[in-house]
Amino acid sequence: MATIRNLKIKTSTCKRIVKEFHSYEKEVEREAAKTTDMKEKGADPYDLKQQENVLAESRMMIPDCLKRLEAALADLKGTLAELEEANQKEGPEIDDARSTIAEVEQFFQTGED
């Protein structure tokens, strides 16, 4: 049985994962710039290899984040549908969930282009 509390948790989860995604994107940019700078300055090959590993690890987190966001979005939609079936169609939590769903769907549409 879905509750308002579950809805709030799932809404917050979606918002957190979107923030994580943006954080990882910034980290990849920062690490890529650092790697390029190290190459230009002729850094030690071992240090350069370690930096490339850090960059690769950061890049791997982006698809993982997207998968988790897709799962969280599906979970949120399911919980919202259950609450709507139970005639709980109004309230700030439900409005917040609907706006979060719209934001995340917009995020996926702009991200796929």
N, C-alpha and C. Protein backbone atom coordinates (compact mmCIF):
# COMPACT_ATOMS: atom_id res chain seq x y z
N MET A 1 0.85 -1.19 0.00
CA MET A 1 0.00 0.00 0.00
C MET A 1 0.89 1.25 0.00
N ALA A 2 0.67 2.08 -0.96
CA ALA A 2 1.44 3.32 -1.06
C ALA A 2 0.94 4.34 -0.05
N THR A 3 1.88 5.06 0.52
CA THR A 3 1.52 6.12 1.46
C THR A 3 2.15 7.43 1.00
N ILE A 4 1.68 8.51 1.59
CA ILE A 4 2.25 9.83 1.28
C ILE A 4 3.73 9.85 1.65
N ARG A 5 4.06 9.18 2.76
CA ARG A 5 5.46 9.13 3.20
C ARG A 5 6.34 8.47 2.14
N ASN A 6 5.86 7.34 1.60
CA ASN A 6 6.61 6.66 0.53
C ASN A 6 6.77 7.56 -0.69
N LEU A 7 5.70 8.31 -0.99
CA LEU A 7 5.75 9.21 -2.14
C LEU A 7 6.81 10.29 -1.93
N LYS A 8 6.87 10.85 -0.73
CA LYS A 8 7.86 11.88 -0.43
C LYS A 8 9.28 11.32 -0.57
N ILE A 9 9.49 10.10 -0.06
CA ILE A 9 10.81 9.46 -0.14
C ILE A 9 11.21 9.24 -1.59
N LYS A 10 10.29 8.74 -2.40
CA LYS A 10 10.61 8.45 -3.80
C LYS A 10 10.82 9.73 -4.60
N THR A 11 10.09 10.78 -4.26
CA THR A 11 10.28 12.08 -4.91
C THR A 11 11.67 12.62 -4.58
N SER A 12 12.05 12.54 -3.32
CA SER A 12 13.37 13.01 -2.90
C SER A 12 14.48 12.19 -3.55
N THR A 13 14.26 10.90 -3.71
CA THR A 13 15.24 10.04 -4.36
C THR A 13 15.50 10.50 -5.79
N CYS A 14 14.44 10.78 -6.52
CA CYS A 14 14.60 11.26 -7.91
C CYS A 14 15.38 12.57 -7.94
N LYS A 15 15.02 13.48 -7.06
CA LYS A 15 15.72 14.78 -7.03
C LYS A 15 17.19 14.59 -6.71
N ARG A 16 17.50 13.72 -5.75
CA ARG A 16 18.89 13.47 -5.35
C ARG A 16 19.69 12.87 -6.51
N ILE A 17 19.11 11.94 -7.23
CA ILE A 17 19.84 11.30 -8.33
C ILE A 17 20.11 12.30 -9.45
N VAL A 18 19.17 13.21 -9.71
CA VAL A 18 19.41 14.25 -10.72
C VAL A 18 20.59 15.12 -10.29
N LYS A 19 20.64 15.47 -9.01
CA LYS A 19 21.76 16.27 -8.49
C LYS A 19 23.07 15.50 -8.63
N GLU A 20 23.03 14.20 -8.31
CA GLU A 20 24.23 13.37 -8.45
C GLU A 20 24.72 13.36 -9.90
N PHE A 21 23.78 13.22 -10.83
CA PHE A 21 24.13 13.18 -12.25
C PHE A 21 24.87 14.45 -12.64
N HIS A 22 24.32 15.61 -12.25
CA HIS A 22 24.97 16.88 -12.58
C HIS A 22 26.34 16.98 -11.92
N SER A 23 26.44 16.47 -10.72
CA SER A 23 27.72 16.48 -10.01
C SER A 23 28.75 15.64 -10.75
N TYR A 24 28.35 14.46 -11.22
CA TYR A 24 29.28 13.60 -11.96
C TYR A 24 29.69 14.24 -13.29
N GLU A 25 28.74 14.93 -13.95
CA GLU A 25 29.09 15.61 -15.19
C GLU A 25 30.18 16.66 -14.95
N LYS A 26 30.01 17.44 -13.88
CA LYS A 26 31.01 18.46 -13.54
C LYS A 26 32.34 17.81 -13.18
N GLU A 27 32.29 16.69 -12.47
CA GLU A 27 33.51 15.99 -12.09
C GLU A 27 34.26 15.50 -13.32
N VAL A 28 33.53 14.97 -14.30
CA VAL A 28 34.16 14.50 -15.54
C VAL A 28 34.84 15.66 -16.25
N GLU A 29 34.16 16.81 -16.33
CA GLU A 29 34.77 17.97 -16.97
C GLU A 29 36.04 18.39 -16.25
N ARG A 30 35.97 18.43 -14.92
CA ARG A 30 37.12 18.84 -14.11
C ARG A 30 38.29 17.87 -14.28
N GLU A 31 38.00 16.58 -14.21
CA GLU A 31 39.05 15.56 -14.34
C GLU A 31 39.63 15.53 -15.76
N ALA A 32 38.78 15.75 -16.76
CA ALA A 32 39.27 15.77 -18.15
C ALA A 32 40.22 16.95 -18.34
N ALA A 33 39.87 18.09 -17.77
CA ALA A 33 40.74 19.26 -17.87
C ALA A 33 42.06 18.99 -17.16
N LYS A 34 42.00 18.35 -16.01
CA LYS A 34 43.21 18.03 -15.25
C LYS A 34 44.10 17.06 -16.04
N THR A 35 43.47 16.05 -16.66
CA THR A 35 44.22 15.07 -17.46
C THR A 35 44.90 15.76 -18.64
N THR A 36 44.18 16.61 -19.32
CA THR A 36 44.74 17.34 -20.47
C THR A 36 45.91 18.21 -20.02
N ASP A 37 45.73 18.89 -18.91
CA ASP A 37 46.78 19.75 -18.37
C ASP A 37 48.03 18.94 -18.04
N MET A 38 47.81 17.75 -17.44
CA MET A 38 48.95 16.89 -17.09
C MET A 38 49.70 16.44 -18.35
N LYS A 39 48.94 16.11 -19.42
CA LYS A 39 49.56 15.68 -20.67
C LYS A 39 50.39 16.81 -21.28
N GLU A 40 49.82 18.02 -21.25
CA GLU A 40 50.53 19.17 -21.82
C GLU A 40 51.81 19.49 -21.06
N LYS A 41 51.78 19.29 -19.76
CA LYS A 41 52.95 19.61 -18.94
C LYS A 41 53.96 18.48 -18.89
N GLY A 42 53.63 17.35 -19.53
CA GLY A 42 54.55 16.22 -19.56
C GLY A 42 54.71 15.56 -18.21
N ALA A 43 53.61 15.27 -17.56
CA ALA A 43 53.64 14.67 -16.22
C ALA A 43 54.19 13.25 -16.28
N ASP A 44 54.57 12.75 -15.13
CA ASP A 44 55.07 11.39 -14.99
C ASP A 44 54.04 10.40 -15.56
N PRO A 45 54.48 9.43 -16.36
CA PRO A 45 53.53 8.48 -16.97
C PRO A 45 52.66 7.75 -15.94
N TYR A 46 53.23 7.40 -14.80
CA TYR A 46 52.44 6.71 -13.77
C TYR A 46 51.33 7.62 -13.25
N ASP A 47 51.65 8.88 -12.96
CA ASP A 47 50.65 9.83 -12.47
C ASP A 47 49.57 10.06 -13.53
N LEU A 48 50.00 10.14 -14.78
CA LEU A 48 49.06 10.34 -15.87
C LEU A 48 48.11 9.15 -15.99
N LYS A 49 48.66 7.95 -15.87
CA LYS A 49 47.84 6.73 -15.94
C LYS A 49 46.81 6.71 -14.80
N GLN A 50 47.24 7.09 -13.60
CA GLN A 50 46.33 7.15 -12.46
C GLN A 50 45.22 8.17 -12.70
N GLN A 51 45.58 9.31 -13.26
CA GLN A 51 44.59 10.35 -13.55
C GLN A 51 43.60 9.87 -14.60
N GLU A 52 44.08 9.14 -15.61
CA GLU A 52 43.19 8.60 -16.63
C GLU A 52 42.23 7.58 -16.01
N ASN A 53 42.71 6.81 -15.04
CA ASN A 53 41.83 5.87 -14.34
C ASN A 53 40.73 6.60 -13.56
N VAL A 54 41.11 7.70 -12.91
CA VAL A 54 40.13 8.51 -12.17
C VAL A 54 39.08 9.04 -13.14
N LEU A 55 39.51 9.53 -14.29
CA LEU A 55 38.60 10.05 -15.30
C LEU A 55 37.66 8.96 -15.81
N ALA A 56 38.20 7.79 -16.09
CA ALA A 56 37.38 6.67 -16.57
C ALA A 56 36.34 6.26 -15.53
N GLU A 57 36.75 6.25 -14.27
CA GLU A 57 35.83 5.89 -13.19
C GLU A 57 34.69 6.91 -13.10
N SER A 58 35.02 8.16 -13.24
CA SER A 58 33.99 9.22 -13.19
C SER A 58 33.02 9.07 -14.36
N ARG A 59 33.57 8.76 -15.53
CA ARG A 59 32.70 8.57 -16.71
C ARG A 59 31.77 7.38 -16.56
N MET A 60 32.22 6.34 -15.87
CA MET A 60 31.39 5.15 -15.67
C MET A 60 30.19 5.43 -14.77
N MET A 61 30.29 6.45 -13.93
CA MET A 61 29.21 6.74 -12.99
C MET A 61 28.00 7.38 -13.68
N ILE A 62 28.20 8.02 -14.81
CA ILE A 62 27.09 8.70 -15.49
C ILE A 62 26.03 7.70 -15.98
N PRO A 63 26.40 6.64 -16.72
CA PRO A 63 25.37 5.68 -17.13
C PRO A 63 24.70 4.99 -15.93
N ASP A 64 25.49 4.74 -14.88
CA ASP A 64 24.93 4.14 -13.67
C ASP A 64 23.87 5.05 -13.06
N CYS A 65 24.16 6.32 -13.02
CA CYS A 65 23.22 7.32 -12.49
C CYS A 65 21.93 7.32 -13.32
N LEU A 66 22.08 7.27 -14.63
CA LEU A 66 20.90 7.28 -15.50
C LEU A 66 20.03 6.05 -15.27
N LYS A 67 20.65 4.89 -15.09
CA LYS A 67 19.88 3.66 -14.81
C LYS A 67 19.12 3.78 -13.50
N ARG A 68 19.81 4.29 -12.48
CA ARG A 68 19.15 4.46 -11.18
C ARG A 68 18.01 5.47 -11.26
N LEU A 69 18.21 6.52 -12.06
CA LEU A 69 17.16 7.53 -12.22
C LEU A 69 15.95 6.95 -12.93
N GLU A 70 16.18 6.13 -13.96
CA GLU A 70 15.06 5.48 -14.66
C GLU A 70 14.26 4.61 -13.70
N ALA A 71 14.97 3.83 -12.88
CA ALA A 71 14.29 2.95 -11.92
C ALA A 71 13.53 3.77 -10.88
N ALA A 72 14.15 4.84 -10.38
CA ALA A 72 13.50 5.68 -9.37
C ALA A 72 12.26 6.37 -9.95
N LEU A 73 12.35 6.79 -11.21
CA LEU A 73 11.21 7.44 -11.86
C LEU A 73 10.04 6.46 -12.01
N ALA A 74 10.34 5.24 -12.44
CA ALA A 74 9.29 4.23 -12.58
C ALA A 74 8.65 3.93 -11.23
N ASP A 75 9.46 3.85 -10.20
CA ASP A 75 8.98 3.62 -8.84
C ASP A 75 8.07 4.76 -8.38
N LEU A 76 8.49 5.98 -8.64
CA LEU A 76 7.70 7.16 -8.25
C LEU A 76 6.37 7.18 -8.98
N LYS A 77 6.40 6.89 -10.28
CA LYS A 77 5.16 6.86 -11.06
C LYS A 77 4.19 5.81 -10.53
N GLY A 78 4.73 4.64 -10.19
CA GLY A 78 3.89 3.57 -9.64
C GLY A 78 3.25 3.95 -8.32
N THR A 79 4.02 4.56 -7.45
CA THR A 79 3.50 4.98 -6.15
C THR A 79 2.44 6.06 -6.32
N LEU A 80 2.69 7.00 -7.22
CA LEU A 80 1.71 8.07 -7.47
C LEU A 80 0.42 7.47 -8.03
N ALA A 81 0.54 6.52 -8.94
CA ALA A 81 -0.65 5.88 -9.52
C ALA A 81 -1.46 5.16 -8.44
N GLU A 82 -0.76 4.47 -7.53
CA GLU A 82 -1.45 3.78 -6.43
C GLU A 82 -2.22 4.76 -5.56
N LEU A 83 -1.59 5.87 -5.23
CA LEU A 83 -2.25 6.87 -4.40
C LEU A 83 -3.45 7.48 -5.13
N GLU A 84 -3.32 7.72 -6.42
CA GLU A 84 -4.44 8.27 -7.19
C GLU A 84 -5.60 7.29 -7.26
N GLU A 85 -5.28 5.99 -7.35
CA GLU A 85 -6.34 4.97 -7.34
C GLU A 85 -7.06 4.94 -6.00
N ALA A 86 -6.35 5.29 -4.94
CA ALA A 86 -6.94 5.32 -3.59
C ALA A 86 -7.60 6.67 -3.31
N ASN A 87 -7.84 7.46 -4.38
CA ASN A 87 -8.50 8.75 -4.30
C ASN A 87 -7.74 9.80 -3.50
N GLN A 88 -6.43 9.71 -3.48
CA GLN A 88 -5.60 10.76 -2.88
C GLN A 88 -4.96 11.51 -4.03
N LYS A 89 -5.73 12.45 -4.59
CA LYS A 89 -5.26 13.13 -5.81
C LYS A 89 -4.82 14.56 -5.55
N GLU A 90 -4.91 15.04 -4.36
CA GLU A 90 -4.56 16.42 -4.05
C GLU A 90 -3.58 16.47 -2.88
N GLY A 91 -2.87 17.57 -2.80
CA GLY A 91 -1.94 17.76 -1.69
C GLY A 91 -0.58 18.21 -2.18
N PRO A 92 0.18 18.83 -1.31
CA PRO A 92 1.49 19.35 -1.74
C PRO A 92 2.47 18.24 -2.13
N GLU A 93 2.40 17.10 -1.47
CA GLU A 93 3.31 16.00 -1.80
C GLU A 93 3.02 15.45 -3.19
N ILE A 94 1.73 15.35 -3.50
CA ILE A 94 1.35 14.82 -4.81
C ILE A 94 1.72 15.81 -5.92
N ASP A 95 1.51 17.11 -5.66
CA ASP A 95 1.91 18.13 -6.63
C ASP A 95 3.42 18.11 -6.84
N ASP A 96 4.16 17.96 -5.74
CA ASP A 96 5.62 17.89 -5.82
C ASP A 96 6.06 16.68 -6.63
N ALA A 97 5.40 15.55 -6.41
CA ALA A 97 5.73 14.32 -7.16
C ALA A 97 5.46 14.51 -8.64
N ARG A 98 4.32 15.11 -8.96
CA ARG A 98 3.99 15.33 -10.38
C ARG A 98 5.01 16.26 -11.04
N SER A 99 5.40 17.32 -10.35
CA SER A 99 6.37 18.25 -10.94
C SER A 99 7.73 17.58 -11.09
N THR A 100 8.10 16.74 -10.12
CA THR A 100 9.38 16.01 -10.21
C THR A 100 9.36 15.04 -11.38
N ILE A 101 8.24 14.35 -11.57
CA ILE A 101 8.12 13.43 -12.72
C ILE A 101 8.28 14.22 -14.02
N ALA A 102 7.62 15.36 -14.11
CA ALA A 102 7.73 16.18 -15.33
C ALA A 102 9.17 16.65 -15.55
N GLU A 103 9.84 17.07 -14.48
CA GLU A 103 11.23 17.53 -14.60
C GLU A 103 12.15 16.41 -15.07
N VAL A 104 11.98 15.22 -14.47
CA VAL A 104 12.85 14.09 -14.82
C VAL A 104 12.58 13.64 -16.26
N GLU A 105 11.32 13.62 -16.67
CA GLU A 105 11.01 13.24 -18.05
C GLU A 105 11.60 14.27 -19.03
N GLN A 106 11.52 15.54 -18.67
CA GLN A 106 12.12 16.60 -19.49
C GLN A 106 13.64 16.41 -19.56
N PHE A 107 14.22 16.04 -18.43
CA PHE A 107 15.66 15.78 -18.34
C PHE A 107 16.06 14.66 -19.31
N PHE A 108 15.28 13.58 -19.35
CA PHE A 108 15.58 12.47 -20.25
C PHE A 108 15.41 12.89 -21.70
N GLN A 109 14.41 13.70 -22.01
CA GLN A 109 14.19 14.14 -23.39
C GLN A 109 15.33 15.02 -23.88
N THR A 110 15.77 15.95 -23.04
CA THR A 110 16.87 16.84 -23.45
C THR A 110 18.20 16.09 -23.46
N GLY A 111 18.34 15.10 -22.60
CA GLY A 111 19.59 14.34 -22.54
C GLY A 111 19.79 13.40 -23.70
N GLU A 112 18.68 12.97 -24.33
CA GLU A 112 18.77 12.01 -25.43
C GLU A 112 19.01 12.68 -26.78
N ASP A 113 18.76 13.98 -26.86
CA ASP A 113 18.94 14.70 -28.13
C ASP A 113 20.39 14.89 -28.48
